[in-house]
C-alpha atoms as a PDB file:
ATOM      1  CA  MET A   1       0.052  -0.073  -0.063  1.00  0.00           C
ATOM      2  CA  ASN A   2       1.204   3.492  -0.670  1.00  0.00           C
ATOM      3  CA  PRO A   3       2.786   4.930   2.344  1.00  0.00           C
ATOM      4  CA  ARG A   4       0.643   8.178   2.124  1.00  0.00           C
ATOM      5  CA  VAL A   5      -2.589   6.256   1.709  1.00  0.00           C
ATOM      6  CA  SER A   6      -1.504   3.936   4.655  1.00  0.00           C
ATOM      7  CA  LEU A   7      -0.912   7.069   6.894  1.00  0.00           C
ATOM      8  CA  ILE A   8      -4.222   8.622   5.891  1.00  0.00           C
ATOM      9  CA  ARG A   9      -6.046   5.177   6.558  1.00  0.00           C
ATOM     10  CA  ARG A  10      -4.309   5.022   9.880  1.00  0.00           C
ATOM     11  CA  LEU A  11      -5.085   8.542  10.916  1.00  0.00           C
ATOM     12  CA  LEU A  12      -8.684   8.224   9.927  1.00  0.00           C
ATOM     13  CA  THR A  13      -9.072   4.999  11.754  1.00  0.00           C
ATOM     14  CA  PHE A  14      -7.314   6.418  14.819  1.00  0.00           C
ATOM     15  CA  GLY A  15      -9.686   9.257  14.669  1.00  0.00           C
ATOM     16  CA  ALA A  16     -12.810   7.000  14.353  1.00  0.00           C
ATOM     17  CA  VAL A  17     -11.877   4.759  17.298  1.00  0.00           C
ATOM     18  CA  GLY A  18     -10.716   7.770  19.291  1.00  0.00           C
ATOM     19  CA  LEU A  19     -13.942   9.612  18.518  1.00  0.00           C
ATOM     20  CA  GLY A  20     -15.965   6.737  19.627  1.00  0.00           C
ATOM     21  CA  ALA A  21     -14.064   6.617  22.920  1.00  0.00           C
ATOM     22  CA  THR A  22     -14.204  10.356  23.253  1.00  0.00           C
ATOM     23  CA  ILE A  23     -18.007  10.488  22.757  1.00  0.00           C
ATOM     24  CA  GLY A  24     -18.438   7.841  25.421  1.00  0.00           C
ATOM     25  CA  TYR A  25     -15.940   9.628  27.735  1.00  0.00           C
ATOM     26  CA  ILE A  26     -17.638  12.968  27.454  1.00  0.00           C
ATOM     27  CA  ALA A  27     -21.257  11.625  27.597  1.00  0.00           C
ATOM     28  CA  VAL A  28     -20.778   9.572  30.716  1.00  0.00           C
ATOM     29  CA  SER A  29     -18.563  12.281  32.322  1.00  0.00           C
ATOM     30  CA  MET A  30     -21.278  14.878  31.725  1.00  0.00           C
ATOM     31  CA  VAL A  31     -24.085  12.535  33.083  1.00  0.00           C
ATOM     32  CA  LEU A  32     -22.067  11.973  36.283  1.00  0.00           C
ATOM     33  CA  VAL A  33     -21.275  15.774  36.597  1.00  0.00           C
ATOM     34  CA  ASP A  34     -24.987  16.562  36.113  1.00  0.00           C
ATOM     35  CA  ILE A  35     -25.875  14.332  39.086  1.00  0.00           C
ATOM     36  CA  GLY A  36     -23.429  16.084  41.278  1.00  0.00           C
ATOM     37  CA  CYS A  37     -20.025  14.404  40.918  1.00  0.00           C
ATOM     38  CA  ARG A  38     -16.910  16.514  40.735  1.00  0.00           C
ATOM     39  CA  PRO A  39     -15.262  16.751  37.215  1.00  0.00           C
ATOM     40  CA  TRP A  40     -11.727  16.068  38.487  1.00  0.00           C
ATOM     41  CA  ILE A  41     -13.005  12.821  40.002  1.00  0.00           C
ATOM     42  CA  VAL A  42     -15.166  11.763  37.072  1.00  0.00           C
ATOM     43  CA  SER A  43     -12.745  12.403  34.487  1.00  0.00           C
ATOM     44  CA  PRO A  44     -10.032   9.873  35.292  1.00  0.00           C
ATOM     45  CA  LEU A  45     -12.580   7.195  36.320  1.00  0.00           C
ATOM     46  CA  VAL A  46     -14.498   7.338  33.093  1.00  0.00           C
ATOM     47  CA  TYR A  47     -11.308   7.533  31.124  1.00  0.00           C
ATOM     48  CA  ALA A  48     -10.028   4.474  32.889  1.00  0.00           C
ATOM     49  CA  ALA A  49     -13.162   2.521  32.069  1.00  0.00           C
ATOM     50  CA  ILE A  50     -12.783   3.221  28.347  1.00  0.00           C
ATOM     51  CA  ILE A  51      -9.241   1.905  28.179  1.00  0.00           C
ATOM     52  CA  PRO A  52     -10.038  -1.810  27.292  1.00  0.00           C
ATOM     53  CA  MET A  53     -12.224  -0.866  24.303  1.00  0.00           C
ATOM     54  CA  ALA A  54      -9.822   1.753  23.015  1.00  0.00           C
ATOM     55  CA  TYR A  55      -6.884  -0.666  23.330  1.00  0.00           C
ATOM     56  CA  MET A  56      -8.584  -3.336  21.174  1.00  0.00           C
ATOM     57  CA  GLY A  57      -9.822  -0.799  18.651  1.00  0.00           C
ATOM     58  CA  GLN A  58      -6.469   0.966  18.162  1.00  0.00           C
ATOM     59  CA  ARG A  59      -4.369  -2.270  18.277  1.00  0.00           C
ATOM     60  CA  THR A  60      -6.632  -4.063  15.882  1.00  0.00           C
ATOM     61  CA  LEU A  61      -8.217  -1.557  13.628  1.00  0.00           C
ATOM     62  CA  THR A  62      -5.785   1.567  13.614  1.00  0.00           C
ATOM     63  CA  PHE A  63      -2.216   0.064  13.872  1.00  0.00           C
ATOM     64  CA  ARG A  64      -3.065  -3.606  12.692  1.00  0.00           C
ATOM     65  CA  SER A  65      -0.312  -4.470  15.166  1.00  0.00           C
ATOM     66  CA  LYS A  66       1.469  -7.799  15.126  1.00  0.00           C
ATOM     67  CA  ALA A  67       3.217  -6.998  18.497  1.00  0.00           C
ATOM     68  CA  ASN A  68       2.707  -9.418  21.153  1.00  0.00           C
ATOM     69  CA  HIS A  69       0.015  -8.526  23.800  1.00  0.00           C
ATOM     70  CA  THR A  70       2.646  -9.145  26.506  1.00  0.00           C
ATOM     71  CA  SER A  71       4.666  -6.186  24.988  1.00  0.00           C
ATOM     72  CA  SER A  72       1.960  -3.943  23.593  1.00  0.00           C
ATOM     73  CA  LEU A  73      -0.516  -4.070  26.471  1.00  0.00           C
ATOM     74  CA  PRO A  74       1.906  -2.871  29.255  1.00  0.00           C
ATOM     75  CA  LYS A  75       3.121  -0.125  27.057  1.00  0.00           C
ATOM     76  CA  TYR A  76      -0.393   0.826  26.121  1.00  0.00           C
ATOM     77  CA  LEU A  77      -1.261   0.894  29.892  1.00  0.00           C
ATOM     78  CA  VAL A  78       1.810   3.226  30.583  1.00  0.00           C
ATOM     79  CA  ILE A  79       0.491   5.655  27.860  1.00  0.00           C
ATOM     80  CA  GLN A  80      -3.005   5.504  29.342  1.00  0.00           C
ATOM     81  CA  GLY A  81      -1.494   6.215  32.797  1.00  0.00           C
ATOM     82  CA  VAL A  82      -0.105   9.543  31.243  1.00  0.00           C
ATOM     83  CA  GLY A  83      -3.675  10.128  29.808  1.00  0.00           C
ATOM     84  CA  LEU A  84      -5.178   9.402  33.215  1.00  0.00           C
ATOM     85  CA  VAL A  85      -2.861  11.959  34.916  1.00  0.00           C
ATOM     86  CA  LEU A  86      -3.770  14.397  32.194  1.00  0.00           C
ATOM     87  CA  ALA A  87      -7.482  13.624  32.724  1.00  0.00           C
ATOM     88  CA  ALA A  88      -7.203  14.430  36.435  1.00  0.00           C
ATOM     89  CA  LEU A  89      -4.908  17.513  36.188  1.00  0.00           C
ATOM     90  CA  ILE A  90      -6.423  19.319  33.262  1.00  0.00           C
ATOM     91  CA  PRO A  91      -9.952  19.728  34.703  1.00  0.00           C
ATOM     92  CA  ALA A  92      -8.457  20.744  38.186  1.00  0.00           C
ATOM     93  CA  VAL A  93      -6.183  23.408  36.608  1.00  0.00           C
ATOM     94  CA  VAL A  94      -8.645  24.910  34.145  1.00  0.00           C
ATOM     95  CA  SER A  95     -11.983  24.541  36.215  1.00  0.00           C
ATOM     96  CA  GLU A  96     -12.051  28.217  37.206  1.00  0.00           C
ATOM     97  CA  VAL A  97     -12.048  29.354  33.563  1.00  0.00           C
ATOM     98  CA  VAL A  98     -13.624  26.627  31.528  1.00  0.00           C
ATOM     99  CA  SER A  99     -16.683  24.674  31.944  1.00  0.00           C
ATOM    100  CA  PRO A 100     -16.628  20.992  32.808  1.00  0.00           C
ATOM    101  CA  ALA A 101     -17.495  20.059  29.145  1.00  0.00           C
ATOM    102  CA  GLY A 102     -14.747  22.448  28.015  1.00  0.00           C
ATOM    103  CA  SER A 103     -12.280  20.765  30.186  1.00  0.00           C
ATOM    104  CA  PHE A 104     -13.228  17.256  28.949  1.00  0.00           C
ATOM    105  CA  VAL A 105     -12.758  18.512  25.353  1.00  0.00           C
ATOM    106  CA  ILE A 106      -9.250  19.869  26.215  1.00  0.00           C
ATOM    107  CA  VAL A 107      -8.406  16.506  27.804  1.00  0.00           C
ATOM    108  CA  SER A 108      -9.583  14.673  24.820  1.00  0.00           C
ATOM    109  CA  GLY A 109      -7.478  16.756  22.311  1.00  0.00           C
ATOM    110  CA  ILE A 110      -4.305  16.646  24.306  1.00  0.00           C
ATOM    111  CA  VAL A 111      -4.569  12.961  25.052  1.00  0.00           C
ATOM    112  CA  ALA A 112      -5.340  12.108  21.447  1.00  0.00           C
ATOM    113  CA  VAL A 113      -2.124  13.744  19.971  1.00  0.00           C
ATOM    114  CA  THR A 114       0.052  12.400  22.765  1.00  0.00           C
ATOM    115  CA  ASN A 115      -1.540   8.911  22.395  1.00  0.00           C
ATOM    116  CA  TYR A 116      -1.193   8.690  18.640  1.00  0.00           C
ATOM    117  CA  ILE A 117       2.545   9.640  18.743  1.00  0.00           C
ATOM    118  CA  LEU A 118       3.382   7.019  21.531  1.00  0.00           C
ATOM    119  CA  LEU A 119       1.211   4.289  20.185  1.00  0.00           C
ATOM    120  CA  ALA A 120       2.681   4.534  16.572  1.00  0.00           C
ATOM    121  CA  ARG A 121       6.296   4.890  17.682  1.00  0.00           C
ATOM    122  CA  TRP A 122       6.356   2.704  20.806  1.00  0.00           C
ATOM    123  CA  ALA A 123       3.477   0.578  21.961  1.00  0.00           C
ATOM    124  CA  PHE A 124       2.415  -1.033  18.834  1.00  0.00           C
ATOM    125  CA  LEU A 125       5.524  -1.745  17.039  1.00  0.00           C
ATOM    126  CA  ALA A 126       6.562  -5.291  16.573  1.00  0.00           C
ATOM    127  CA  LYS A 127      10.030  -6.414  17.531  1.00  0.00           C
ATOM    128  CA  GLY A 128      12.387  -5.303  14.771  1.00  0.00           C
ATOM    129  CA  GLU A 129       9.623  -3.118  13.061  1.00  0.00           C
ATOM    130  CA  ILE A 130      10.661   0.399  11.978  1.00  0.00           C
ATOM    131  CA  VAL A 131       8.235   3.237  11.676  1.00  0.00           C
END
């Protein structure tokens, strides 16, 4: 496959899987905030709940990884740990100037960019594979 077409396919698939996870994250987070939960608590809990679905989607659909689960899953979890920290910190830091929904959108954007780079260059590379 043409490298440009492959990159476009990967970016579109990454976006589709990520969008599905993001919509779920924002929707569930907003419901929990609406019933009285604090955004800085809701954000990382909901984010963590979405990790298994996102892992399988990104591994299988986006990156079509041949890397062994024993290698890729721990790396994926480290990357998601970074996302969880961001999901907790960003709403806490911006809560005075941005609505809860705005903070969830900011989290989603920053985490998406960070995740793509780390997944493509680290987590889903098979042994000996070069990006």
